[in-house]
Amino acid sequence: MKQRLVRERLDTRSVPRLKPQPSSNRLTLLDAIADPKLFKPFFKSPASWLAWRAFIAAAFGLPMSAEELAIYRACTGRKDAPTQQMRELVLVIGRRGGKSRILALIAVWLACFHDYRQFLDEGELGVVQVLAADKEQARVILRYVKGFIKKVPMLARMIERDTNLGLELSNSISIEITTSSYRAVRGRTVVAALCDEIAFWQSDETSANPDSETVNAIKPGMATIPTSMLLLASSPYARRGILYNMHRQYHGKDDPRVLSWQAATDVMNPEIDPAFLAQAYEDDPVSAAAEYGAQFRSDVEAFIAREAVEAVTSDERERPYMPEFKYHAFADAAGGSGSDSFTLAIGHVEKGTSVLDVIREAKPPFSPKTIVEQYSALLKSYGISKVQGDRYAGDWPREQFLEHRIAYEPSAKPKSAIYGEFLPLMMSKKCDLLDHQRLINQLCGLERRTARSGKDSIDHAPNGHDDVANAVAGVLTSMGVRKYRYVADLSWVGGPIDTEKLEQSRSAQMLSNILALRGIR
């Protein structure tokens, strides 16, 4: 339905012809795309790039044909075409729509065809930054960048230094790839920043919001370049983050500096196989609407607010063994060669509160046998002879721990159920966490997803991790602390609810969470 509506909106028969624009001798990016000595060989089917021509015209304030104007109106919700270059662009594009190649083209255009030396100090380099969730993703655009420059002789002569991380050009400009870290982007004079797949940026290390914090760290570096450009591009995901917030703020608004462009895959890339798209929509309509229809997902939402996590976080990093308490442990095992960490959490109950005492994390690569040996010694120092763990790892953790006389008991609850029990424990302030940045970021990065059956599941976001969060939630929910005085056992998950007692609840937020958690598998 969405695709049909877009096609109807792109009908150009009723669009009036634009008035001829005054001619200019200055080369434009659209001219460069049409020039056989520049970029024309890279765009061998001009008709299939029509929507991208409309986008480029809008981004740089160039004249549009009637057909391009129709596409512009359909993809932006705006009526009048821009007459000047945009400073910030939000690109919400379906997968396989061609955005990586266009981002690379714009990076080359801004780096090679503009003179920024009047804004740079002697010996200073201006930077075109290409950012992605990791350097492997950023290298996709870098390969396009190098292809554009090296295969055009007049541009190839500008290369002074070629590395795995970018190019340094003779006009005091470098094109560099970097990861989505607010620390890595500081200290540069930025002439352009291109943020690829920004809806999927995740970080356990530095921030629960790496997208907004990274962009905020970039902008001061652009302040001294009057023609600098910021592009935020991605296929959409959840209704949060800087991509969604800027799209919501600027889409359909006639802002002279910021443009939001949203288009399905087949609008930007009409050569994609229609049968492939039809099958994707048949298999999973919700996922396909995001992946190829460029619609933000309504079935994904944040599970825990950062404020709620911080409210139960102490300033302690670790708590020592105290003989008057009985300690419990939960492990999230991993094999050591992938991307997952092997984590362990230890806790105890004190005055009706689940207290977190220890967090351990072994990041890959590591030897599982060595880590089990280290964890076993730690468990024994807290008087623990049994550890619960995730079932995902199979039988090998049980065998490895048994060698050190530690019983390994697979958890009877799936991960979603563990997180489901952890939420009311936290909301009722019946737990006490440690000051551990990765734990806080992983908890804040958890998502609740609603399946087609109506059931909810809770897990980390794409490109994210929850190894530390899983071990902590596992141990804190395994110690028998009651979540609410007015709810017996686990009736808040799916059993009958005493409405009179709910009305007496001191926290409307608790009630909201109880109702939202019905049906968790």
Protein backbone atom coordinates (compact mmCIF):
# COMPACT_ATOMS: atom_id res chain seq x y z
CA MET A 1 0.00 0.00 0.00
CA LYS A 2 2.78 2.43 0.95
CA GLN A 3 4.64 1.76 -2.28
CA ARG A 4 1.47 2.26 -4.34
CA LEU A 5 0.83 5.61 -2.62
CA VAL A 6 4.40 6.73 -3.33
CA ARG A 7 4.06 5.84 -7.02
CA GLU A 8 0.80 7.77 -7.23
CA ARG A 9 2.49 10.79 -5.67
CA LEU A 10 5.25 10.55 -8.26
CA ASP A 11 2.84 10.93 -11.17
CA THR A 12 4.27 13.92 -13.07
CA ARG A 13 1.45 14.47 -15.58
CA SER A 14 -0.12 17.24 -13.50
CA VAL A 15 3.17 18.91 -12.51
CA PRO A 16 3.74 22.25 -14.28
CA ARG A 17 7.03 22.90 -16.03
CA LEU A 18 9.51 24.93 -14.03
CA LYS A 19 10.57 28.25 -15.37
CA PRO A 20 14.01 28.22 -17.00
CA GLN A 21 16.75 29.02 -14.53
CA PRO A 22 19.51 31.52 -15.31
CA SER A 23 22.56 29.80 -16.75
CA SER A 24 25.83 29.64 -14.86
CA ASN A 25 29.34 28.76 -15.93
CA ARG A 26 30.08 27.12 -12.61
CA LEU A 27 30.28 23.32 -12.70
CA THR A 28 27.63 21.59 -10.58
CA LEU A 29 27.54 18.04 -9.26
CA LEU A 30 24.78 17.21 -11.74
CA ASP A 31 27.03 18.51 -14.54
CA ALA A 32 29.84 16.29 -13.24
CA ILE A 33 27.53 13.25 -13.28
CA ALA A 34 26.71 13.97 -16.94
CA ASP A 35 30.35 14.57 -17.94
CA PRO A 36 32.03 11.51 -19.56
CA LYS A 37 35.41 12.73 -18.28
CA LEU A 38 34.17 12.82 -14.70
CA PHE A 39 31.43 10.67 -13.20
CA LYS A 40 29.22 9.63 -16.11
CA PRO A 41 30.96 6.21 -16.49
CA PHE A 42 29.85 5.38 -12.93
CA PHE A 43 26.15 5.97 -13.73
CA LYS A 44 25.55 3.93 -16.87
CA SER A 45 21.75 3.87 -16.55
CA PRO A 46 20.79 7.53 -16.01
CA ALA A 47 17.06 6.82 -15.77
CA SER A 48 17.57 4.58 -12.72
CA TRP A 49 19.30 7.45 -10.90
CA LEU A 50 16.55 10.00 -11.51
CA ALA A 51 15.42 10.13 -7.87
CA TRP A 52 19.02 10.60 -6.74
CA ARG A 53 19.41 13.45 -9.25
CA ALA A 54 16.40 15.08 -7.60
CA PHE A 55 17.99 14.64 -4.20
CA ILE A 56 21.30 16.13 -5.33
CA ALA A 57 19.47 19.08 -6.87
CA ALA A 58 17.66 19.64 -3.58
CA ALA A 59 20.82 19.25 -1.49
CA PHE A 60 22.75 21.85 -3.49
CA GLY A 61 19.90 24.18 -4.48
CA LEU A 62 20.07 23.34 -8.20
CA PRO A 63 17.29 23.65 -10.81
CA MET A 64 14.98 20.64 -11.21
CA SER A 65 13.00 19.22 -14.09
CA ALA A 66 9.27 18.71 -13.64
CA GLU A 67 9.78 15.01 -12.95
CA GLU A 68 12.54 15.70 -10.43
CA LEU A 69 10.32 18.27 -8.70
CA ALA A 70 7.56 15.67 -8.36
CA ILE A 71 9.99 13.23 -6.77
CA TYR A 72 11.29 15.97 -4.48
CA ARG A 73 7.79 16.83 -3.27
CA ALA A 74 6.87 13.18 -2.69
CA CYS A 75 10.06 12.41 -0.75
CA THR A 76 10.25 15.57 1.37
CA GLY A 77 6.64 16.65 1.92
CA ARG A 78 7.73 20.12 0.81
CA LYS A 79 6.35 22.15 -2.07
CA ASP A 80 9.00 24.63 -3.14
CA ALA A 81 12.42 23.45 -4.28
CA PRO A 82 15.45 24.83 -2.37
CA THR A 83 17.46 27.60 -4.00
CA GLN A 84 20.60 27.25 -1.89
CA GLN A 85 22.83 24.48 -0.56
CA MET A 86 21.56 22.69 2.54
CA ARG A 87 23.76 22.49 5.61
CA GLU A 88 22.17 19.37 7.12
CA LEU A 89 20.43 16.49 5.34
CA VAL A 90 18.45 13.59 6.77
CA LEU A 91 18.25 10.60 4.43
CA VAL A 92 15.76 7.88 5.40
CA ILE A 93 16.20 5.37 2.59
CA GLY A 94 15.23 1.72 2.14
CA ARG A 95 18.06 -0.81 1.89
CA ARG A 96 19.68 -1.34 -1.52
CA GLY A 97 18.52 2.11 -2.52
CA GLY A 98 22.00 3.28 -3.55
CA LYS A 99 22.76 5.65 -0.69
CA SER A 100 26.34 4.42 -0.08
CA ARG A 101 27.39 5.30 -3.62
CA ILE A 102 25.72 8.71 -3.44
CA LEU A 103 27.30 9.48 -0.06
CA ALA A 104 30.68 8.64 -1.57
CA LEU A 105 29.96 10.81 -4.61
CA ILE A 106 29.05 13.78 -2.42
CA ALA A 107 32.16 13.22 -0.30
CA VAL A 108 34.35 13.33 -3.43
CA TRP A 109 32.53 16.38 -4.77
CA LEU A 110 32.95 18.34 -1.56
CA ALA A 111 36.57 17.25 -1.13
CA CYS A 112 37.86 17.72 -4.67
CA PHE A 113 35.78 20.50 -6.23
CA HIS A 114 35.75 23.05 -3.42
CA ASP A 115 38.53 25.29 -2.14
CA TYR A 116 38.53 25.59 1.64
CA ARG A 117 42.06 26.97 2.08
CA GLN A 118 40.83 30.44 2.96
CA PHE A 119 39.20 28.90 6.06
CA LEU A 120 42.23 26.80 7.07
CA ASP A 121 45.38 27.82 8.90
CA GLU A 122 48.78 27.17 7.38
CA GLY A 123 49.46 23.43 7.45
CA GLU A 124 45.91 22.60 8.61
CA LEU A 125 43.90 19.84 6.91
CA GLY A 126 40.18 20.07 6.38
CA VAL A 127 38.47 16.69 6.77
CA VAL A 128 35.60 14.95 5.06
CA GLN A 129 34.58 12.41 7.70
CA VAL A 130 32.83 9.17 6.78
CA LEU A 131 31.34 7.57 9.89
CA ALA A 132 29.66 4.23 10.45
CA ALA A 133 28.95 1.80 13.28
CA ASP A 134 32.36 0.21 12.65
CA LYS A 135 35.25 0.69 10.26
CA GLU A 136 34.24 -2.26 8.09
CA GLN A 137 30.96 -0.55 7.26
CA ALA A 138 32.72 2.77 6.69
CA ARG A 139 35.13 1.09 4.27
CA VAL A 140 32.20 0.34 1.93
CA ILE A 141 31.87 4.06 1.26
CA LEU A 142 35.66 4.51 1.23
CA ARG A 143 35.94 1.95 -1.59
CA TYR A 144 33.43 3.97 -3.61
CA VAL A 145 35.37 7.16 -2.80
CA LYS A 146 38.65 5.70 -4.00
CA GLY A 147 36.96 4.34 -7.11
CA PHE A 148 35.57 7.76 -8.05
CA ILE A 149 38.91 9.51 -7.51
CA LYS A 150 41.40 6.97 -8.86
CA LYS A 151 39.50 6.28 -12.07
CA VAL A 152 39.21 9.96 -13.00
CA PRO A 153 42.73 11.07 -14.09
CA MET A 154 42.33 14.74 -13.12
CA LEU A 155 41.26 13.69 -9.61
CA ALA A 156 43.80 10.89 -9.25
CA ARG A 157 46.58 13.47 -9.59
CA MET A 158 45.33 15.14 -6.39
CA ILE A 159 46.18 12.11 -4.20
CA GLU A 160 49.19 12.72 -2.00
CA ARG A 161 48.69 9.90 0.49
CA ASP A 162 46.58 6.72 0.29
CA THR A 163 45.96 4.66 3.45
CA ASN A 164 43.50 2.06 4.71
CA LEU A 165 41.65 4.84 6.52
CA GLY A 166 41.38 7.37 3.72
CA LEU A 167 43.00 9.73 1.25
CA GLU A 168 45.01 12.91 1.70
CA LEU A 169 44.66 15.35 -1.20
CA SER A 170 46.83 18.15 -2.55
CA ASN A 171 44.22 20.84 -1.78
CA SER A 172 44.65 20.48 2.03
CA ILE A 173 41.65 18.15 2.33
CA SER A 174 41.59 14.57 3.56
CA ILE A 175 38.81 12.00 3.36
CA GLU A 176 38.84 9.79 6.46
CA ILE A 177 36.72 6.94 7.80
CA THR A 178 36.09 6.62 11.51
CA THR A 179 33.79 4.85 13.93
CA SER A 180 30.76 6.36 15.62
CA SER A 181 32.60 7.64 18.69
CA TYR A 182 32.28 11.15 20.06
CA ARG A 183 35.92 10.90 21.17
CA ALA A 184 37.31 9.93 17.75
CA VAL A 185 35.79 12.88 15.85
CA ARG A 186 37.10 15.71 18.03
CA GLY A 187 39.97 18.04 17.17
CA ARG A 188 39.31 18.18 13.40
CA THR A 189 38.20 20.97 11.08
CA VAL A 190 35.31 19.24 9.36
CA VAL A 191 34.20 20.37 5.90
CA ALA A 192 31.67 17.54 5.64
CA ALA A 193 30.51 14.60 7.75
CA LEU A 194 28.65 11.65 6.27
CA CYS A 195 27.05 9.37 8.87
CA ASP A 196 26.05 6.03 7.36
CA GLU A 197 23.40 3.71 8.91
CA ILE A 198 23.17 6.06 11.88
CA ALA A 199 19.92 4.45 13.09
CA PHE A 200 21.98 1.36 14.03
CA TRP A 201 24.83 2.96 15.93
CA GLN A 202 25.28 1.28 19.31
CA SER A 203 27.95 1.53 21.99
CA ASP A 204 28.61 -0.39 25.19
CA GLU A 205 31.74 1.62 25.90
CA THR A 206 31.09 5.33 25.90
CA SER A 207 27.43 6.24 25.65
CA ALA A 208 23.91 4.91 25.47
CA ASN A 209 23.26 7.54 22.75
CA PRO A 210 26.31 7.41 20.44
CA ASP A 211 24.42 8.89 17.47
CA SER A 212 23.43 12.20 19.06
CA GLU A 213 26.62 12.56 21.10
CA THR A 214 28.82 11.89 18.07
CA VAL A 215 26.94 14.40 15.93
CA ASN A 216 27.12 16.96 18.74
CA ALA A 217 30.89 16.38 18.89
CA ILE A 218 31.23 16.89 15.12
CA LYS A 219 29.33 20.16 14.79
CA PRO A 220 31.85 22.45 16.54
CA GLY A 221 34.46 21.30 14.01
CA MET A 222 32.19 22.55 11.19
CA ALA A 223 31.59 25.99 12.68
CA THR A 224 34.41 27.76 10.78
CA ILE A 225 33.47 26.31 7.36
CA PRO A 226 30.52 28.29 5.90
CA THR A 227 29.75 25.62 3.29
CA SER A 228 30.15 22.56 5.52
CA MET A 229 27.59 19.81 5.12
CA LEU A 230 26.26 17.14 7.53
CA LEU A 231 24.50 14.08 6.09
CA LEU A 232 22.69 11.59 8.32
CA ALA A 233 21.75 8.55 6.24
CA SER A 234 20.23 5.21 7.16
CA SER A 235 17.51 2.72 6.59
CA PRO A 236 15.13 3.43 9.50
CA TYR A 237 14.73 1.48 12.70
CA ALA A 238 13.01 2.38 15.98
CA ARG A 239 11.20 5.65 16.63
CA ARG A 240 14.04 7.20 18.59
CA GLY A 241 17.52 8.54 18.05
CA ILE A 242 18.78 11.52 16.11
CA LEU A 243 17.68 10.24 12.68
CA TYR A 244 14.07 9.82 13.81
CA ASN A 245 14.03 13.03 15.84
CA MET A 246 15.38 15.16 12.99
CA HIS A 247 13.11 13.49 10.47
CA ARG A 248 10.11 14.20 12.67
CA GLN A 249 11.20 17.81 13.16
CA TYR A 250 12.08 18.72 9.58
CA HIS A 251 10.15 16.45 7.22
CA GLY A 252 7.61 18.54 5.33
CA LYS A 253 9.04 21.78 6.75
CA ASP A 254 10.42 24.51 4.47
CA ASP A 255 13.61 25.01 6.41
CA PRO A 256 16.41 26.75 4.43
CA ARG A 257 19.21 24.83 6.19
CA VAL A 258 17.86 21.32 6.93
CA LEU A 259 16.17 18.87 4.56
CA SER A 260 14.60 15.51 5.42
CA TRP A 261 14.26 13.03 2.53
CA GLN A 262 12.36 9.74 2.98
CA ALA A 263 11.93 7.19 0.20
CA ALA A 264 11.38 3.48 -0.30
CA THR A 265 13.98 1.29 -1.99
CA ASP A 266 12.17 1.04 -5.33
CA VAL A 267 11.74 4.82 -5.50
CA MET A 268 15.49 5.42 -5.26
CA ASN A 269 16.44 2.25 -7.13
CA PRO A 270 13.75 1.32 -9.68
CA GLU A 271 15.92 -1.50 -11.03
CA ILE A 272 15.48 -3.64 -7.92
CA ASP A 273 13.56 -6.88 -8.51
CA PRO A 274 9.84 -6.30 -7.67
CA ALA A 275 9.42 -10.01 -6.92
CA PHE A 276 12.14 -9.79 -4.28
CA LEU A 277 10.36 -6.90 -2.56
CA ALA A 278 6.99 -8.63 -2.81
CA GLN A 279 8.40 -11.75 -1.13
CA ALA A 280 9.98 -9.67 1.63
CA TYR A 281 6.65 -8.00 2.40
CA GLU A 282 4.88 -11.36 2.38
CA ASP A 283 7.43 -12.96 4.73
CA ASP A 284 7.50 -10.15 7.30
CA PRO A 285 5.47 -7.01 6.49
CA VAL A 286 6.64 -5.06 9.53
CA SER A 287 10.33 -5.70 8.92
CA ALA A 288 10.03 -5.09 5.17
CA ALA A 289 8.24 -1.79 5.74
CA ALA A 290 11.34 -0.59 7.60
CA GLU A 291 14.03 -2.31 5.53
CA TYR A 292 12.61 -1.47 2.09
CA GLY A 293 9.66 0.85 2.70
CA ALA A 294 11.74 3.34 4.76
CA GLN A 295 9.14 3.45 7.54
CA PHE A 296 10.22 3.72 11.17
CA ARG A 297 9.19 0.65 13.14
CA SER A 298 6.28 0.90 15.55
CA ASP A 299 6.89 -2.54 17.07
CA VAL A 300 10.22 -1.62 18.72
CA GLU A 301 10.59 0.57 21.78
CA ALA A 302 13.13 1.22 24.51
CA PHE A 303 12.75 -1.19 27.43
CA ILE A 304 14.32 0.79 30.28
CA ALA A 305 14.80 4.54 30.65
CA ARG A 306 18.26 5.74 31.63
CA GLU A 307 16.80 7.69 34.54
CA ALA A 308 15.34 4.48 35.99
CA VAL A 309 18.72 2.72 35.78
CA GLU A 310 20.58 5.62 37.37
CA ALA A 311 18.03 5.76 40.20
CA VAL A 312 19.16 2.33 41.44
CA THR A 313 22.89 2.71 40.70
CA SER A 314 25.27 3.31 43.61
CA ASP A 315 28.71 4.90 43.39
CA GLU A 316 30.47 1.63 44.23
CA ARG A 317 32.43 -0.31 41.59
CA GLU A 318 32.57 -3.61 43.52
CA ARG A 319 31.56 -4.91 46.96
CA PRO A 320 33.74 -7.25 49.05
CA TYR A 321 32.70 -10.58 50.50
CA MET A 322 30.78 -10.33 53.80
CA PRO A 323 30.39 -13.63 55.70
CA GLU A 324 26.91 -12.80 57.01
CA PHE A 325 25.39 -12.96 53.51
CA LYS A 326 24.62 -15.82 51.16
CA TYR A 327 25.86 -15.08 47.64
CA HIS A 328 24.44 -16.10 44.25
CA ALA A 329 25.91 -16.02 40.74
CA PHE A 330 24.83 -16.00 37.10
CA ALA A 331 27.05 -16.44 34.03
CA ASP A 332 26.54 -15.63 30.36
CA ALA A 333 29.05 -17.93 28.72
CA ALA A 334 30.70 -17.44 25.33
CA GLY A 335 33.19 -19.39 23.24
CA GLY A 336 35.91 -16.75 23.04
CA SER A 337 36.26 -16.43 19.27
CA GLY A 338 33.15 -14.48 18.27
CA SER A 339 31.93 -11.04 19.29
CA ASP A 340 30.27 -12.03 22.58
CA SER A 341 31.83 -11.62 26.01
CA PHE A 342 31.90 -14.23 28.79
CA THR A 343 30.33 -12.48 31.78
CA LEU A 344 29.71 -13.27 35.44
CA ALA A 345 27.67 -11.43 38.08
CA ILE A 346 27.54 -12.06 41.84
CA GLY A 347 24.94 -10.68 44.25
CA HIS A 348 23.19 -11.12 47.58
CA VAL A 349 19.95 -10.12 49.33
CA GLU A 350 20.12 -7.45 52.01
CA LYS A 351 17.05 -6.06 53.80
CA GLY A 352 14.73 -7.15 51.01
CA THR A 353 16.90 -5.70 48.24
CA SER A 354 18.83 -7.57 45.55
CA VAL A 355 22.36 -6.19 45.79
CA LEU A 356 24.87 -6.51 42.95
CA ASP A 357 28.39 -7.16 44.27
CA VAL A 358 30.66 -8.17 41.38
CA ILE A 359 30.74 -7.93 37.59
CA ARG A 360 33.34 -9.72 35.49
CA GLU A 361 33.62 -9.60 31.71
CA ALA A 362 36.06 -11.41 29.43
CA LYS A 363 36.06 -9.82 25.97
CA PRO A 364 37.06 -11.91 22.95
CA PRO A 365 39.44 -13.33 22.08
CA PHE A 366 39.96 -15.45 25.18
CA SER A 367 40.41 -19.04 26.30
CA PRO A 368 37.11 -20.31 27.77
CA LYS A 369 38.99 -22.83 29.89
CA THR A 370 41.13 -20.07 31.44
CA ILE A 371 38.14 -17.83 32.10
CA VAL A 372 36.19 -20.65 33.78
CA GLU A 373 39.20 -21.29 36.00
CA GLN A 374 39.39 -17.61 36.98
CA TYR A 375 35.65 -17.33 37.55
CA SER A 376 35.61 -20.50 39.64
CA ALA A 377 38.27 -19.11 41.98
CA LEU A 378 36.23 -15.91 42.32
CA LEU A 379 33.03 -17.84 43.05
CA LYS A 380 34.75 -19.85 45.77
CA SER A 381 36.04 -16.65 47.38
CA TYR A 382 32.39 -15.62 47.83
CA GLY A 383 31.41 -19.04 49.18
CA ILE A 384 29.53 -19.99 46.00
CA SER A 385 29.43 -23.61 44.83
CA LYS A 386 26.67 -23.26 42.20
CA VAL A 387 26.24 -20.83 39.32
CA GLN A 388 23.24 -20.41 37.05
CA GLY A 389 23.70 -19.56 33.42
CA ASP A 390 22.23 -18.99 30.00
CA ARG A 391 21.11 -22.12 28.15
CA TYR A 392 22.48 -20.79 24.88
CA ALA A 393 26.01 -22.04 25.51
CA GLY A 394 25.00 -25.72 25.67
CA ASP A 395 26.70 -28.34 27.87
CA TRP A 396 30.31 -27.21 27.80
CA PRO A 397 30.01 -24.64 30.66
CA ARG A 398 28.63 -27.35 32.94
CA GLU A 399 31.54 -29.64 32.15
CA GLN A 400 34.15 -26.88 32.51
CA PHE A 401 32.83 -25.56 35.83
CA LEU A 402 32.45 -29.09 37.19
CA GLU A 403 36.22 -29.59 36.80
CA HIS A 404 36.60 -26.89 39.46
CA ARG A 405 33.85 -28.33 41.69
CA ILE A 406 31.34 -25.65 40.72
CA ALA A 407 27.86 -26.83 39.69
CA TYR A 408 26.51 -25.10 36.56
CA GLU A 409 22.72 -24.98 36.38
CA PRO A 410 21.09 -23.75 33.15
CA SER A 411 18.42 -21.15 33.83
CA ALA A 412 14.85 -22.36 33.46
CA LYS A 413 13.84 -18.93 32.15
CA PRO A 414 14.55 -17.54 28.68
CA LYS A 415 16.29 -14.20 28.46
CA SER A 416 13.10 -12.22 27.78
CA ALA A 417 11.49 -13.59 30.94
CA ILE A 418 14.58 -12.70 32.98
CA TYR A 419 14.47 -9.12 31.73
CA GLY A 420 10.73 -9.08 32.26
CA GLU A 421 11.24 -9.90 35.94
CA PHE A 422 14.13 -7.48 36.26
CA LEU A 423 12.10 -4.43 35.17
CA PRO A 424 9.65 -4.36 38.13
CA LEU A 425 12.53 -5.21 40.47
CA MET A 426 14.24 -2.06 39.28
CA MET A 427 11.14 0.13 39.05
CA SER A 428 10.22 -0.70 42.65
CA LYS A 429 13.84 0.09 43.67
CA LYS A 430 14.33 -3.42 45.04
CA CYS A 431 17.81 -3.70 43.53
CA ASP A 432 21.13 -1.91 44.02
CA LEU A 433 23.45 -1.80 41.00
CA LEU A 434 27.16 -1.04 40.68
CA ASP A 435 28.62 1.96 38.91
CA HIS A 436 29.55 0.11 35.73
CA GLN A 437 29.30 2.02 32.43
CA ARG A 438 28.88 -1.00 30.16
CA LEU A 439 26.08 -2.33 32.38
CA ILE A 440 24.26 1.00 32.29
CA ASN A 441 24.63 1.36 28.52
CA GLN A 442 23.56 -2.22 27.83
CA LEU A 443 20.47 -1.91 30.04
CA CYS A 444 19.53 1.34 28.33
CA GLY A 445 20.07 -0.31 24.93
CA LEU A 446 17.58 -3.13 25.53
CA GLU A 447 14.52 -3.16 23.31
CA ARG A 448 11.03 -4.59 23.58
CA ARG A 449 9.80 -5.99 20.27
CA THR A 450 6.26 -7.07 19.49
CA ALA A 451 5.98 -10.09 17.19
CA ARG A 452 3.19 -10.66 14.67
CA SER A 453 1.59 -13.02 17.19
CA GLY A 454 1.33 -10.14 19.68
CA LYS A 455 3.96 -11.61 22.03
CA ASP A 456 6.78 -9.40 23.30
CA SER A 457 10.47 -10.24 23.40
CA ILE A 458 13.30 -8.29 25.00
CA ASP A 459 16.82 -8.22 23.58
CA HIS A 460 19.68 -5.95 22.60
CA ALA A 461 19.41 -3.72 19.55
CA PRO A 462 21.08 -4.58 16.21
CA ASN A 463 24.87 -4.18 16.49
CA GLY A 464 24.48 -4.09 20.28
CA HIS A 465 25.37 -6.44 23.13
CA ASP A 466 23.75 -7.46 26.40
CA ASP A 467 26.26 -9.93 27.86
CA VAL A 468 26.82 -7.89 31.04
CA ALA A 469 23.14 -6.94 31.38
CA ASN A 470 22.03 -10.57 31.01
CA ALA A 471 24.35 -11.81 33.77
CA VAL A 472 23.30 -9.00 36.11
CA ALA A 473 19.57 -9.38 35.47
CA GLY A 474 19.98 -13.16 35.82
CA VAL A 475 21.56 -13.05 39.26
CA LEU A 476 19.35 -10.27 40.66
CA THR A 477 16.12 -12.04 39.64
CA SER A 478 17.27 -15.44 40.91
CA MET A 479 17.44 -14.52 44.61
CA GLY A 480 13.73 -14.50 45.48
CA VAL A 481 13.16 -10.80 46.21
CA ARG A 482 9.48 -9.91 45.77
CA LYS A 483 8.89 -7.19 43.22
CA TYR A 484 5.75 -5.58 44.64
CA ARG A 485 4.01 -5.84 47.97
CA TYR A 486 0.65 -6.06 46.21
CA VAL A 487 1.50 -8.71 43.62
CA ALA A 488 1.98 -12.39 44.48
CA ASP A 489 4.90 -14.17 42.84
CA LEU A 490 4.85 -13.61 39.07
CA SER A 491 1.17 -12.76 38.60
CA TRP A 492 2.27 -9.41 37.10
CA VAL A 493 3.45 -11.31 34.01
CA GLY A 494 0.25 -13.00 32.99
CA GLY A 495 -1.96 -13.89 35.95
CA PRO A 496 -4.96 -12.09 37.44
CA ILE A 497 -4.39 -8.56 38.65
CA ASP A 498 -6.06 -7.09 41.75
CA THR A 499 -7.35 -3.80 40.30
CA GLU A 500 -8.14 -2.37 43.75
CA LYS A 501 -4.53 -2.77 44.82
CA LEU A 502 -3.31 -1.38 41.51
CA GLU A 503 -5.36 1.75 42.11
CA GLN A 504 -3.56 2.14 45.40
CA SER A 505 -0.15 1.93 43.72
CA ARG A 506 2.10 4.84 44.55
CA SER A 507 3.70 4.71 41.10
CA ALA A 508 1.78 5.17 37.86
CA GLN A 509 4.95 4.16 36.04
CA MET A 510 4.91 0.76 37.75
CA LEU A 511 1.33 0.21 36.64
CA SER A 512 2.25 1.13 33.08
CA ASN A 513 5.14 -1.33 33.08
CA ILE A 514 2.98 -4.13 34.54
CA LEU A 515 0.38 -3.74 31.83
CA ALA A 516 3.00 -3.44 29.09
CA LEU A 517 4.72 -6.65 30.18
CA ARG A 518 1.69 -8.93 29.76
CA GLY A 519 2.40 -11.67 27.28
CA ILE A 520 6.19 -11.69 27.52
CA ARG A 521 7.50 -15.04 26.40
